[in-house]
Structures are given as C-alpha cells and as structure tokens.
Protein backbone atom coordinates (compact mmCIF):
# COMPACT_ATOMS: atom_id res chain seq x y z
CA MET A 1 63.56 19.71 -70.61
CA THR A 2 67.32 19.95 -70.07
CA GLN A 3 69.09 16.96 -68.66
CA HIS A 4 72.41 17.17 -66.83
CA VAL A 5 74.75 14.22 -67.33
CA VAL A 6 77.47 13.29 -64.84
CA ARG A 7 79.72 10.56 -66.26
CA ILE A 8 81.80 8.45 -63.91
CA PRO A 9 84.36 6.28 -65.72
CA TRP A 10 85.16 2.78 -64.58
CA ARG A 11 88.71 2.84 -63.23
CA HIS A 12 91.24 0.03 -63.19
CA ASN A 13 91.36 -0.16 -59.39
CA ASP A 14 87.65 0.34 -58.75
CA THR A 15 86.07 -1.95 -56.20
CA ILE A 16 82.53 -3.14 -55.73
CA SER A 17 82.36 -1.30 -52.42
CA ARG A 18 83.33 2.01 -54.09
CA TRP A 19 80.47 1.66 -56.56
CA ASP A 20 78.15 0.59 -53.76
CA ASP A 21 79.10 3.82 -51.98
CA VAL A 22 78.34 5.91 -55.07
CA CYS A 23 74.97 4.28 -55.71
CA VAL A 24 73.86 4.19 -52.07
CA TRP A 25 74.82 7.84 -51.61
CA ALA A 26 72.82 8.80 -54.73
CA ILE A 27 69.77 6.93 -53.40
CA GLU A 28 70.09 8.53 -49.96
CA GLN A 29 70.40 12.03 -51.45
CA PHE A 30 68.02 11.87 -54.42
CA GLY A 31 65.81 8.80 -53.95
CA LEU A 32 65.55 5.81 -56.24
CA PRO A 33 66.37 6.33 -59.91
CA GLY A 34 63.40 7.42 -61.96
CA GLU A 35 62.21 10.79 -60.71
CA ARG A 36 65.13 13.10 -59.99
CA TYR A 37 67.73 11.11 -61.94
CA THR A 38 68.34 7.99 -63.98
CA THR A 39 71.43 5.84 -64.44
CA HIS A 40 72.90 4.35 -67.58
CA PRO A 41 75.81 1.93 -67.10
CA VAL A 42 77.85 0.89 -70.12
CA GLU A 43 81.16 -0.90 -70.56
CA ASP A 44 83.46 2.08 -69.85
CA TYR A 45 81.44 4.37 -67.58
CA MET A 46 78.17 5.01 -65.79
CA ASP A 47 76.08 8.09 -66.52
CA PHE A 48 73.91 9.68 -63.88
CA VAL A 49 71.37 11.90 -65.64
CA PHE A 50 69.76 14.55 -63.44
CA GLU A 51 66.72 16.72 -64.08
CA SER A 52 68.11 19.47 -61.80
CA SER A 53 71.41 21.23 -62.40
CA LYS A 54 71.75 21.67 -58.62
CA ASP A 55 71.50 17.91 -58.08
CA ALA A 56 74.07 17.30 -60.84
CA VAL A 57 76.50 19.79 -59.28
CA HIS A 58 75.98 18.29 -55.81
CA PHE A 59 76.69 14.79 -57.19
CA THR A 60 79.71 16.02 -59.17
CA LEU A 61 81.28 17.71 -56.16
CA LYS A 62 80.96 14.52 -54.14
CA TRP A 63 82.17 11.94 -56.68
CA LEU A 64 84.38 13.61 -59.31
C-alpha cells in the first residue's frame, strides 16, 4: 500500500495556536489519526502520512 507523506517543518515563529489549528483541522477533515492518516512528530518537522493521495493533496493545499 502506498503512503503519501506531507512534511510540515517547525518554523522559528511558529506558535502553539498555529499547530493547534493544523491538528484540529486534520481531525475535523479526516478523523482521529489511525485510519486515514497517522502523524509522526520529530525535532525538526511533523509528518502527516495519508493512505489516500486525495487526502494528502487536500492537506497540502491547506497547510503548505
């Protein structure tokens, strides 16, 4: 199964509320992580891994 990764880098001026907006929007659009997507935060970025290319494109257009 192909997975579609959307990587959002942490930025110097990021705020907690910006990341809240990203995560809440993802939950509202795709549900909780686990079925349609998963998340993988690391020190320099957060990956959103989608099962559907359409979901990945939708997310990308909104947040990148």
